[in-house]
Amino acid sequence: MESSLKGMHDTSSFLVTVCDEEAVTKIMQEVHEIDKRWQGVQRTLADQSVLRYNAGIQNISQWCDGVESELSRHVRADYDDLNAHSNLLEVSLIRLPIHLYNSVME
């Protein structure tokens, strides 16, 4: 779009030098109107980028808060819990392919 806008400005500059006053006035009004609309588009895109950036930062911040909460959470680790975890590990090992199971057991 920037190259199209530059091309329009170049063309309007040429036309201003070869047209009569009435045409020059109309050309300059049209160019000014297009420039204003383009600036509005750029502001809208910039605003949308800021909103997406802020939403991304908020998502990351919430994720970090969740991780921090999980890391600071007290984990119960009595005998029964450790035994249950050990049983889960044994079940997981049984499901391993035999060559991986052997390497874990060594």
PDB file of N, CA and C in Angstrom:
ATOM      1  N   MET A   1       0.816  -1.188   0.000  1.00  0.00           N
ATOM      2  CA  MET A   1       0.000   0.000   0.000  1.00  0.00           C
ATOM      3  C   MET A   1       0.864   1.258   0.000  1.00  0.00           C
ATOM      4  N   GLU A   2       1.966   1.186   0.706  1.00  0.00           N
ATOM      5  CA  GLU A   2       2.849   2.361   0.739  1.00  0.00           C
ATOM      6  C   GLU A   2       3.367   2.707  -0.658  1.00  0.00           C
ATOM      7  N   SER A   3       3.719   1.678  -1.433  1.00  0.00           N
ATOM      8  CA  SER A   3       4.223   1.960  -2.780  1.00  0.00           C
ATOM      9  C   SER A   3       3.109   2.522  -3.670  1.00  0.00           C
ATOM     10  N   SER A   4       1.869   2.043  -3.480  1.00  0.00           N
ATOM     11  CA  SER A   4       0.742   2.590  -4.238  1.00  0.00           C
ATOM     12  C   SER A   4       0.499   4.042  -3.850  1.00  0.00           C
ATOM     13  N   LEU A   5       0.591   4.332  -2.568  1.00  0.00           N
ATOM     14  CA  LEU A   5       0.410   5.704  -2.101  1.00  0.00           C
ATOM     15  C   LEU A   5       1.495   6.614  -2.661  1.00  0.00           C
ATOM     16  N   LYS A   6       2.727   6.136  -2.682  1.00  0.00           N
ATOM     17  CA  LYS A   6       3.828   6.923  -3.250  1.00  0.00           C
ATOM     18  C   LYS A   6       3.585   7.163  -4.738  1.00  0.00           C
ATOM     19  N   GLY A   7       3.132   6.133  -5.448  1.00  0.00           N
ATOM     20  CA  GLY A   7       2.828   6.285  -6.870  1.00  0.00           C
ATOM     21  C   GLY A   7       1.737   7.314  -7.101  1.00  0.00           C
ATOM     22  N   MET A   8       0.722   7.315  -6.249  1.00  0.00           N
ATOM     23  CA  MET A   8      -0.342   8.305  -6.364  1.00  0.00           C
ATOM     24  C   MET A   8       0.206   9.712  -6.149  1.00  0.00           C
ATOM     25  N   HIS A   9       1.081   9.874  -5.150  1.00  0.00           N
ATOM     26  CA  HIS A   9       1.677  11.193  -4.886  1.00  0.00           C
ATOM     27  C   HIS A   9       2.541  11.650  -6.061  1.00  0.00           C
ATOM     28  N   ASP A  10       3.309  10.730  -6.614  1.00  0.00           N
ATOM     29  CA  ASP A  10       4.138  11.080  -7.777  1.00  0.00           C
ATOM     30  C   ASP A  10       3.266  11.510  -8.955  1.00  0.00           C
ATOM     31  N   THR A  11       2.205  10.766  -9.202  1.00  0.00           N
ATOM     32  CA  THR A  11       1.303  11.081 -10.310  1.00  0.00           C
ATOM     33  C   THR A  11       0.607  12.406 -10.080  1.00  0.00           C
ATOM     34  N   SER A  12       0.142  12.630  -8.842  1.00  0.00           N
ATOM     35  CA  SER A  12      -0.532  13.901  -8.557  1.00  0.00           C
ATOM     36  C   SER A  12       0.435  15.072  -8.682  1.00  0.00           C
ATOM     37  N   SER A  13       1.684  14.891  -8.308  1.00  0.00           N
ATOM     38  CA  SER A  13       2.683  15.962  -8.471  1.00  0.00           C
ATOM     39  C   SER A  13       2.864  16.301  -9.942  1.00  0.00           C
ATOM     40  N   PHE A  14       2.904  15.276 -10.782  1.00  0.00           N
ATOM     41  CA  PHE A  14       3.021  15.515 -12.224  1.00  0.00           C
ATOM     42  C   PHE A  14       1.781  16.227 -12.755  1.00  0.00           C
ATOM     43  N   LEU A  15       0.598  15.757 -12.366  1.00  0.00           N
ATOM     44  CA  LEU A  15      -0.647  16.343 -12.857  1.00  0.00           C
ATOM     45  C   LEU A  15      -0.782  17.804 -12.434  1.00  0.00           C
ATOM     46  N   VAL A  16      -0.309  18.141 -11.246  1.00  0.00           N
ATOM     47  CA  VAL A  16      -0.365  19.530 -10.776  1.00  0.00           C
ATOM     48  C   VAL A  16       0.415  20.448 -11.709  1.00  0.00           C
ATOM     49  N   THR A  17       1.483  19.930 -12.289  1.00  0.00           N
ATOM     50  CA  THR A  17       2.312  20.772 -13.172  1.00  0.00           C
ATOM     51  C   THR A  17       1.712  20.928 -14.568  1.00  0.00           C
ATOM     52  N   VAL A  18       0.794  20.032 -14.963  1.00  0.00           N
ATOM     53  CA  VAL A  18       0.282  20.085 -16.339  1.00  0.00           C
ATOM     54  C   VAL A  18      -1.210  20.402 -16.436  1.00  0.00           C
ATOM     55  N   CYS A  19      -1.913  20.503 -15.310  1.00  0.00           N
ATOM     56  CA  CYS A  19      -3.365  20.731 -15.352  1.00  0.00           C
ATOM     57  C   CYS A  19      -3.703  22.179 -15.023  1.00  0.00           C
ATOM     58  N   ASP A  20      -4.954  22.544 -15.340  1.00  0.00           N
ATOM     59  CA  ASP A  20      -5.416  23.898 -15.003  1.00  0.00           C
ATOM     60  C   ASP A  20      -5.757  23.982 -13.512  1.00  0.00           C
ATOM     61  N   GLU A  21      -6.014  25.189 -13.031  1.00  0.00           N
ATOM     62  CA  GLU A  21      -6.231  25.435 -11.603  1.00  0.00           C
ATOM     63  C   GLU A  21      -7.385  24.623 -11.039  1.00  0.00           C
ATOM     64  N   GLU A  22      -8.476  24.522 -11.769  1.00  0.00           N
ATOM     65  CA  GLU A  22      -9.648  23.789 -11.280  1.00  0.00           C
ATOM     66  C   GLU A  22      -9.316  22.309 -11.073  1.00  0.00           C
ATOM     67  N   ALA A  23      -8.622  21.727 -12.037  1.00  0.00           N
ATOM     68  CA  ALA A  23      -8.229  20.319 -11.930  1.00  0.00           C
ATOM     69  C   ALA A  23      -7.217  20.124 -10.808  1.00  0.00           C
ATOM     70  N   VAL A  24      -6.286  21.065 -10.667  1.00  0.00           N
ATOM     71  CA  VAL A  24      -5.278  20.978  -9.603  1.00  0.00           C
ATOM     72  C   VAL A  24      -5.949  20.995  -8.241  1.00  0.00           C
ATOM     73  N   THR A  25      -6.930  21.874  -8.062  1.00  0.00           N
ATOM     74  CA  THR A  25      -7.648  21.962  -6.791  1.00  0.00           C
ATOM     75  C   THR A  25      -8.347  20.639  -6.478  1.00  0.00           C
ATOM     76  N   LYS A  26      -9.014  20.063  -7.482  1.00  0.00           N
ATOM     77  CA  LYS A  26      -9.716  18.784  -7.283  1.00  0.00           C
ATOM     78  C   LYS A  26      -8.717  17.655  -6.979  1.00  0.00           C
ATOM     79  N   ILE A  27      -7.610  17.633  -7.703  1.00  0.00           N
ATOM     80  CA  ILE A  27      -6.581  16.608  -7.465  1.00  0.00           C
ATOM     81  C   ILE A  27      -6.038  16.713  -6.047  1.00  0.00           C
ATOM     82  N   MET A  28      -5.716  17.922  -5.617  1.00  0.00           N
ATOM     83  CA  MET A  28      -5.150  18.118  -4.279  1.00  0.00           C
ATOM     84  C   MET A  28      -6.157  17.731  -3.189  1.00  0.00           C
ATOM     85  N   GLN A  29      -7.458  18.028  -3.411  1.00  0.00           N
ATOM     86  CA  GLN A  29      -8.487  17.635  -2.446  1.00  0.00           C
ATOM     87  C   GLN A  29      -8.578  16.107  -2.345  1.00  0.00           C
ATOM     88  N   GLU A  30      -8.560  15.456  -3.493  1.00  0.00           N
ATOM     89  CA  GLU A  30      -8.649  13.988  -3.511  1.00  0.00           C
ATOM     90  C   GLU A  30      -7.432  13.355  -2.837  1.00  0.00           C
ATOM     91  N   VAL A  31      -6.253  13.873  -3.143  1.00  0.00           N
ATOM     92  CA  VAL A  31      -5.022  13.342  -2.532  1.00  0.00           C
ATOM     93  C   VAL A  31      -5.067  13.548  -1.021  1.00  0.00           C
ATOM     94  N   HIS A  32      -5.518  14.732  -0.597  1.00  0.00           N
ATOM     95  CA  HIS A  32      -5.610  15.012   0.834  1.00  0.00           C
ATOM     96  C   HIS A  32      -6.595  14.047   1.510  1.00  0.00           C
ATOM     97  N   GLU A  33      -7.740  13.797   0.869  1.00  0.00           N
ATOM     98  CA  GLU A  33      -8.738  12.878   1.418  1.00  0.00           C
ATOM     99  C   GLU A  33      -8.182  11.451   1.518  1.00  0.00           C
ATOM    100  N   ILE A  34      -7.493  11.006   0.490  1.00  0.00           N
ATOM    101  CA  ILE A  34      -6.885   9.662   0.514  1.00  0.00           C
ATOM    102  C   ILE A  34      -5.830   9.573   1.618  1.00  0.00           C
ATOM    103  N   ASP A  35      -5.025  10.615   1.770  1.00  0.00           N
ATOM    104  CA  ASP A  35      -4.014  10.633   2.836  1.00  0.00           C
ATOM    105  C   ASP A  35      -4.659  10.539   4.218  1.00  0.00           C
ATOM    106  N   LYS A  36      -5.754  11.269   4.429  1.00  0.00           N
ATOM    107  CA  LYS A  36      -6.456  11.218   5.715  1.00  0.00           C
ATOM    108  C   LYS A  36      -7.000   9.820   5.979  1.00  0.00           C
ATOM    109  N   ARG A  37      -7.599   9.198   4.961  1.00  0.00           N
ATOM    110  CA  ARG A  37      -8.134   7.855   5.134  1.00  0.00           C
ATOM    111  C   ARG A  37      -7.015   6.857   5.415  1.00  0.00           C
ATOM    112  N   TRP A  38      -5.885   7.000   4.720  1.00  0.00           N
ATOM    113  CA  TRP A  38      -4.752   6.110   4.937  1.00  0.00           C
ATOM    114  C   TRP A  38      -4.215   6.236   6.363  1.00  0.00           C
ATOM    115  N   GLN A  39      -4.144   7.477   6.855  1.00  0.00           N
ATOM    116  CA  GLN A  39      -3.699   7.686   8.233  1.00  0.00           C
ATOM    117  C   GLN A  39      -4.657   7.020   9.220  1.00  0.00           C
ATOM    118  N   GLY A  40      -5.958   7.071   8.919  1.00  0.00           N
ATOM    119  CA  GLY A  40      -6.942   6.393   9.767  1.00  0.00           C
ATOM    120  C   GLY A  40      -6.731   4.886   9.773  1.00  0.00           C
ATOM    121  N   VAL A  41      -6.440   4.319   8.597  1.00  0.00           N
ATOM    122  CA  VAL A  41      -6.170   2.883   8.506  1.00  0.00           C
ATOM    123  C   VAL A  41      -4.934   2.531   9.327  1.00  0.00           C
ATOM    124  N   GLN A  42      -3.893   3.341   9.210  1.00  0.00           N
ATOM    125  CA  GLN A  42      -2.664   3.081   9.963  1.00  0.00           C
ATOM    126  C   GLN A  42      -2.907   3.155  11.473  1.00  0.00           C
ATOM    127  N   ARG A  43      -3.702   4.142  11.911  1.00  0.00           N
ATOM    128  CA  ARG A  43      -4.015   4.245  13.350  1.00  0.00           C
ATOM    129  C   ARG A  43      -4.798   3.025  13.821  1.00  0.00           C
ATOM    130  N   THR A  44      -5.761   2.591  13.001  1.00  0.00           N
ATOM    131  CA  THR A  44      -6.562   1.421  13.363  1.00  0.00           C
ATOM    132  C   THR A  44      -5.679   0.182  13.484  1.00  0.00           C
ATOM    133  N   LEU A  45      -4.780  -0.004  12.518  1.00  0.00           N
ATOM    134  CA  LEU A  45      -3.876  -1.157  12.562  1.00  0.00           C
ATOM    135  C   LEU A  45      -2.959  -1.091  13.775  1.00  0.00           C
ATOM    136  N   ALA A  46      -2.475   0.104  14.077  1.00  0.00           N
ATOM    137  CA  ALA A  46      -1.605   0.270  15.246  1.00  0.00           C
ATOM    138  C   ALA A  46      -2.373  -0.040  16.526  1.00  0.00           C
ATOM    139  N   ASP A  47      -3.619   0.451  16.607  1.00  0.00           N
ATOM    140  CA  ASP A  47      -4.438   0.176  17.797  1.00  0.00           C
ATOM    141  C   ASP A  47      -4.691  -1.317  17.951  1.00  0.00           C
ATOM    142  N   GLN A  48      -4.984  -1.999  16.847  1.00  0.00           N
ATOM    143  CA  GLN A  48      -5.221  -3.441  16.898  1.00  0.00           C
ATOM    144  C   GLN A  48      -3.957  -4.176  17.333  1.00  0.00           C
ATOM    145  N   SER A  49      -2.812  -3.727  16.852  1.00  0.00           N
ATOM    146  CA  SER A  49      -1.544  -4.359  17.241  1.00  0.00           C
ATOM    147  C   SER A  49      -1.304  -4.194  18.737  1.00  0.00           C
ATOM    148  N   VAL A  50      -1.593  -3.014  19.252  1.00  0.00           N
ATOM    149  CA  VAL A  50      -1.411  -2.766  20.687  1.00  0.00           C
ATOM    150  C   VAL A  50      -2.340  -3.669  21.493  1.00  0.00           C
ATOM    151  N   LEU A  51      -3.586  -3.797  21.041  1.00  0.00           N
ATOM    152  CA  LEU A  51      -4.538  -4.659  21.755  1.00  0.00           C
ATOM    153  C   LEU A  51      -4.085  -6.111  21.754  1.00  0.00           C
ATOM    154  N   ARG A  52      -3.622  -6.593  20.597  1.00  0.00           N
ATOM    155  CA  ARG A  52      -3.142  -7.987  20.524  1.00  0.00           C
ATOM    156  C   ARG A  52      -1.903  -8.178  21.394  1.00  0.00           C
ATOM    157  N   TYR A  53      -1.003  -7.202  21.382  1.00  0.00           N
ATOM    158  CA  TYR A  53       0.201  -7.275  22.207  1.00  0.00           C
ATOM    159  C   TYR A  53      -0.174  -7.334  23.688  1.00  0.00           C
ATOM    160  N   ASN A  54      -1.070  -6.445  24.119  1.00  0.00           N
ATOM    161  CA  ASN A  54      -1.480  -6.410  25.520  1.00  0.00           C
ATOM    162  C   ASN A  54      -2.189  -7.702  25.921  1.00  0.00           C
ATOM    163  N   ALA A  55      -3.014  -8.255  25.034  1.00  0.00           N
ATOM    164  CA  ALA A  55      -3.687  -9.518  25.325  1.00  0.00           C
ATOM    165  C   ALA A  55      -2.654 -10.639  25.468  1.00  0.00           C
ATOM    166  N   GLY A  56      -1.645 -10.646  24.625  1.00  0.00           N
ATOM    167  CA  GLY A  56      -0.579 -11.644  24.713  1.00  0.00           C
ATOM    168  C   GLY A  56       0.188 -11.532  26.019  1.00  0.00           C
ATOM    169  N   ILE A  57       0.505 -10.310  26.401  1.00  0.00           N
ATOM    170  CA  ILE A  57       1.208 -10.082  27.671  1.00  0.00           C
ATOM    171  C   ILE A  57       0.355 -10.565  28.843  1.00  0.00           C
ATOM    172  N   GLN A  58      -0.953 -10.281  28.779  1.00  0.00           N
ATOM    173  CA  GLN A  58      -1.852 -10.718  29.846  1.00  0.00           C
ATOM    174  C   GLN A  58      -1.908 -12.248  29.914  1.00  0.00           C
ATOM    175  N   ASN A  59      -1.970 -12.907  28.758  1.00  0.00           N
ATOM    176  CA  ASN A  59      -1.991 -14.375  28.738  1.00  0.00           C
ATOM    177  C   ASN A  59      -0.717 -14.950  29.338  1.00  0.00           C
ATOM    178  N   ILE A  60       0.415 -14.389  28.965  1.00  0.00           N
ATOM    179  CA  ILE A  60       1.695 -14.862  29.509  1.00  0.00           C
ATOM    180  C   ILE A  60       1.750 -14.625  31.012  1.00  0.00           C
ATOM    181  N   SER A  61       1.277 -13.471  31.444  1.00  0.00           N
ATOM    182  CA  SER A  61       1.286 -13.149  32.872  1.00  0.00           C
ATOM    183  C   SER A  61       0.402 -14.119  33.655  1.00  0.00           C
ATOM    184  N   GLN A  62      -0.784 -14.427  33.110  1.00  0.00           N
ATOM    185  CA  GLN A  62      -1.668 -15.383  33.783  1.00  0.00           C
ATOM    186  C   GLN A  62      -1.032 -16.769  33.835  1.00  0.00           C
ATOM    187  N   TRP A  63      -0.375 -17.157  32.745  1.00  0.00           N
ATOM    188  CA  TRP A  63       0.289 -18.459  32.718  1.00  0.00           C
ATOM    189  C   TRP A  63       1.389 -18.506  33.777  1.00  0.00           C
ATOM    190  N   CYS A  64       2.191 -17.433  33.851  1.00  0.00           N
ATOM    191  CA  CYS A  64       3.273 -17.377  34.846  1.00  0.00           C
ATOM    192  C   CYS A  64       2.718 -17.426  36.268  1.00  0.00           C
ATOM    193  N   ASP A  65       1.598 -16.723  36.495  1.00  0.00           N
ATOM    194  CA  ASP A  65       0.965 -16.774  37.820  1.00  0.00           C
ATOM    195  C   ASP A  65       0.535 -18.200  38.155  1.00  0.00           C
ATOM    196  N   GLY A  66      -0.031 -18.897  37.176  1.00  0.00           N
ATOM    197  CA  GLY A  66      -0.444 -20.284  37.389  1.00  0.00           C
ATOM    198  C   GLY A  66       0.737 -21.186  37.696  1.00  0.00           C
ATOM    199  N   VAL A  67       1.824 -21.002  36.956  1.00  0.00           N
ATOM    200  CA  VAL A  67       3.028 -21.802  37.189  1.00  0.00           C
ATOM    201  C   VAL A  67       3.589 -21.504  38.577  1.00  0.00           C
ATOM    202  N   GLU A  68       3.644 -20.223  38.927  1.00  0.00           N
ATOM    203  CA  GLU A  68       4.163 -19.847  40.245  1.00  0.00           C
ATOM    204  C   GLU A  68       3.301 -20.453  41.355  1.00  0.00           C
ATOM    205  N   SER A  69       1.991 -20.433  41.147  1.00  0.00           N
ATOM    206  CA  SER A  69       1.082 -21.019  42.128  1.00  0.00           C
ATOM    207  C   SER A  69       1.322 -22.510  42.283  1.00  0.00           C
ATOM    208  N   GLU A  70       1.479 -23.196  41.155  1.00  0.00           N
ATOM    209  CA  GLU A  70       1.726 -24.643  41.205  1.00  0.00           C
ATOM    210  C   GLU A  70       3.066 -24.953  41.850  1.00  0.00           C
ATOM    211  N   LEU A  71       4.077 -24.148  41.544  1.00  0.00           N
ATOM    212  CA  LEU A  71       5.403 -24.406  42.110  1.00  0.00           C
ATOM    213  C   LEU A  71       5.453 -24.133  43.608  1.00  0.00           C
ATOM    214  N   SER A  72       4.622 -23.218  44.083  1.00  0.00           N
ATOM    215  CA  SER A  72       4.647 -22.894  45.511  1.00  0.00           C
ATOM    216  C   SER A  72       3.641 -23.723  46.311  1.00  0.00           C
ATOM    217  N   ARG A  73       2.857 -24.541  45.616  1.00  0.00           N
ATOM    218  CA  ARG A  73       1.846 -25.367  46.275  1.00  0.00           C
ATOM    219  C   ARG A  73       2.523 -26.456  47.110  1.00  0.00           C
ATOM    220  N   HIS A  74       1.983 -26.694  48.285  1.00  0.00           N
ATOM    221  CA  HIS A  74       2.504 -27.749  49.151  1.00  0.00           C
ATOM    222  C   HIS A  74       2.032 -29.100  48.599  1.00  0.00           C
ATOM    223  N   VAL A  75       2.971 -29.977  48.368  1.00  0.00           N
ATOM    224  CA  VAL A  75       2.643 -31.301  47.854  1.00  0.00           C
ATOM    225  C   VAL A  75       2.701 -32.294  49.015  1.00  0.00           C
ATOM    226  N   ARG A  76       1.605 -32.997  49.185  1.00  0.00           N
ATOM    227  CA  ARG A  76       1.533 -34.001  50.235  1.00  0.00           C
ATOM    228  C   ARG A  76       2.357 -35.210  49.805  1.00  0.00           C
ATOM    229  N   ALA A  77       3.240 -35.646  50.658  1.00  0.00           N
ATOM    230  CA  ALA A  77       4.093 -36.778  50.295  1.00  0.00           C
ATOM    231  C   ALA A  77       4.270 -37.698  51.492  1.00  0.00           C
ATOM    232  N   ASP A  78       3.188 -38.347  51.857  1.00  0.00           N
ATOM    233  CA  ASP A  78       3.315 -39.335  52.921  1.00  0.00           C
ATOM    234  C   ASP A  78       3.570 -40.701  52.279  1.00  0.00           C
ATOM    235  N   TYR A  79       3.664 -41.728  53.126  1.00  0.00           N
ATOM    236  CA  TYR A  79       3.999 -43.057  52.643  1.00  0.00           C
ATOM    237  C   TYR A  79       3.009 -43.553  51.592  1.00  0.00           C
ATOM    238  N   ASP A  80       1.722 -43.390  51.840  1.00  0.00           N
ATOM    239  CA  ASP A  80       0.707 -43.886  50.905  1.00  0.00           C
ATOM    240  C   ASP A  80       0.810 -43.185  49.544  1.00  0.00           C
ATOM    241  N   ASP A  81       1.048 -41.864  49.565  1.00  0.00           N
ATOM    242  CA  ASP A  81       1.191 -41.124  48.307  1.00  0.00           C
ATOM    243  C   ASP A  81       2.413 -41.596  47.520  1.00  0.00           C
ATOM    244  N   LEU A  82       3.526 -41.762  48.215  1.00  0.00           N
ATOM    245  CA  LEU A  82       4.747 -42.213  47.541  1.00  0.00           C
ATOM    246  C   LEU A  82       4.587 -43.634  47.009  1.00  0.00           C
ATOM    247  N   ASN A  83       3.920 -44.488  47.777  1.00  0.00           N
ATOM    248  CA  ASN A  83       3.676 -45.857  47.343  1.00  0.00           C
ATOM    249  C   ASN A  83       2.784 -45.872  46.104  1.00  0.00           C
ATOM    250  N   ALA A  84       1.734 -45.047  46.070  1.00  0.00           N
ATOM    251  CA  ALA A  84       0.842 -44.971  44.905  1.00  0.00           C
ATOM    252  C   ALA A  84       1.621 -44.477  43.691  1.00  0.00           C
ATOM    253  N   HIS A  85       2.481 -43.489  43.901  1.00  0.00           N
ATOM    254  CA  HIS A  85       3.293 -42.974  42.795  1.00  0.00           C
ATOM    255  C   HIS A  85       4.254 -44.052  42.287  1.00  0.00           C
ATOM    256  N   SER A  86       4.826 -44.792  43.198  1.00  0.00           N
ATOM    257  CA  SER A  86       5.730 -45.876  42.815  1.00  0.00           C
ATOM    258  C   SER A  86       4.989 -46.925  41.986  1.00  0.00           C
ATOM    259  N   ASN A  87       3.763 -47.252  42.390  1.00  0.00           N
ATOM    260  CA  ASN A  87       2.958 -48.220  41.634  1.00  0.00           C
ATOM    261  C   ASN A  87       2.663 -47.702  40.221  1.00  0.00           C
ATOM    262  N   LEU A  88       2.377 -46.407  40.110  1.00  0.00           N
ATOM    263  CA  LEU A  88       2.136 -45.817  38.782  1.00  0.00           C
ATOM    264  C   LEU A  88       3.377 -45.923  37.903  1.00  0.00           C
ATOM    265  N   LEU A  89       4.539 -45.698  38.512  1.00  0.00           N
ATOM    266  CA  LEU A  89       5.785 -45.801  37.748  1.00  0.00           C
ATOM    267  C   LEU A  89       6.014 -47.228  37.277  1.00  0.00           C
ATOM    268  N   GLU A  90       5.706 -48.175  38.128  1.00  0.00           N
ATOM    269  CA  GLU A  90       5.888 -49.578  37.745  1.00  0.00           C
ATOM    270  C   GLU A  90       4.956 -49.930  36.585  1.00  0.00           C
ATOM    271  N   VAL A  91       3.741 -49.472  36.637  1.00  0.00           N
ATOM    272  CA  VAL A  91       2.791 -49.731  35.549  1.00  0.00           C
ATOM    273  C   VAL A  91       3.298 -49.091  34.264  1.00  0.00           C
ATOM    274  N   SER A  92       3.828 -47.884  34.384  1.00  0.00           N
ATOM    275  CA  SER A  92       4.368 -47.201  33.208  1.00  0.00           C
ATOM    276  C   SER A  92       5.537 -47.970  32.621  1.00  0.00           C
ATOM    277  N   LEU A  93       6.398 -48.528  33.489  1.00  0.00           N
ATOM    278  CA  LEU A  93       7.551 -49.289  33.018  1.00  0.00           C
ATOM    279  C   LEU A  93       7.111 -50.564  32.305  1.00  0.00           C
ATOM    280  N   ILE A  94       6.056 -51.183  32.806  1.00  0.00           N
ATOM    281  CA  ILE A  94       5.558 -52.414  32.177  1.00  0.00           C
ATOM    282  C   ILE A  94       5.092 -52.136  30.756  1.00  0.00           C
ATOM    283  N   ARG A  95       4.579 -50.943  30.513  1.00  0.00           N
ATOM    284  CA  ARG A  95       4.082 -50.594  29.181  1.00  0.00           C
ATOM    285  C   ARG A  95       5.198 -50.188  28.214  1.00  0.00           C
ATOM    286  N   LEU A  96       6.404 -50.028  28.723  1.00  0.00           N
ATOM    287  CA  LEU A  96       7.527 -49.667  27.859  1.00  0.00           C
ATOM    288  C   LEU A  96       7.908 -50.827  26.957  1.00  0.00           C
ATOM    289  N   PRO A  97       8.399 -50.536  25.761  1.00  0.00           N
ATOM    290  CA  PRO A  97       8.948 -51.620  24.937  1.00  0.00           C
ATOM    291  C   PRO A  97      10.080 -52.295  25.706  1.00  0.00           C
ATOM    292  N   ILE A  98      10.280 -53.557  25.488  1.00  0.00           N
ATOM    293  CA  ILE A  98      11.206 -54.376  26.273  1.00  0.00           C
ATOM    294  C   ILE A  98      12.629 -53.817  26.281  1.00  0.00           C
ATOM    295  N   HIS A  99      13.115 -53.306  25.132  1.00  0.00           N
ATOM    296  CA  HIS A  99      14.497 -52.790  25.130  1.00  0.00           C
ATOM    297  C   HIS A  99      14.625 -51.525  25.981  1.00  0.00           C
ATOM    298  N   LEU A 100      13.560 -50.700  26.053  1.00  0.00           N
ATOM    299  CA  LEU A 100      13.604 -49.528  26.930  1.00  0.00           C
ATOM    300  C   LEU A 100      13.477 -49.944  28.391  1.00  0.00           C
ATOM    301  N   TYR A 101      12.626 -50.939  28.649  1.00  0.00           N
ATOM    302  CA  TYR A 101      12.443 -51.445  30.017  1.00  0.00           C
ATOM    303  C   TYR A 101      13.767 -51.963  30.566  1.00  0.00           C
ATOM    304  N   ASN A 102      14.482 -52.723  29.759  1.00  0.00           N
ATOM    305  CA  ASN A 102      15.768 -53.289  30.201  1.00  0.00           C
ATOM    306  C   ASN A 102      16.778 -52.193  30.501  1.00  0.00           C
ATOM    307  N   SER A 103      16.803 -51.142  29.679  1.00  0.00           N
ATOM    308  CA  SER A 103      17.775 -50.083  29.926  1.00  0.00           C
ATOM    309  C   SER A 103      17.430 -49.291  31.184  1.00  0.00           C
ATOM    310  N   VAL A 104      16.146 -49.172  31.513  1.00  0.00           N
ATOM    311  CA  VAL A 104      15.733 -48.479  32.735  1.00  0.00           C
ATOM    312  C   VAL A 104      16.073 -49.318  33.950  1.00  0.00           C
ATOM    313  N   MET A 105      15.928 -50.610  33.846  1.00  0.00           N
ATOM    314  CA  MET A 105      16.162 -51.513  34.971  1.00  0.00           C
ATOM    315  C   MET A 105      17.642 -51.707  35.263  1.00  0.00           C
ATOM    316  N   GLU A 106      18.528 -51.373  34.331  1.00  0.00           N
ATOM    317  CA  GLU A 106      19.971 -51.593  34.554  1.00  0.00           C
ATOM    318  C   GLU A 106      20.569 -50.582  35.481  1.00  0.00           C
TER     319      GLU A 106
END
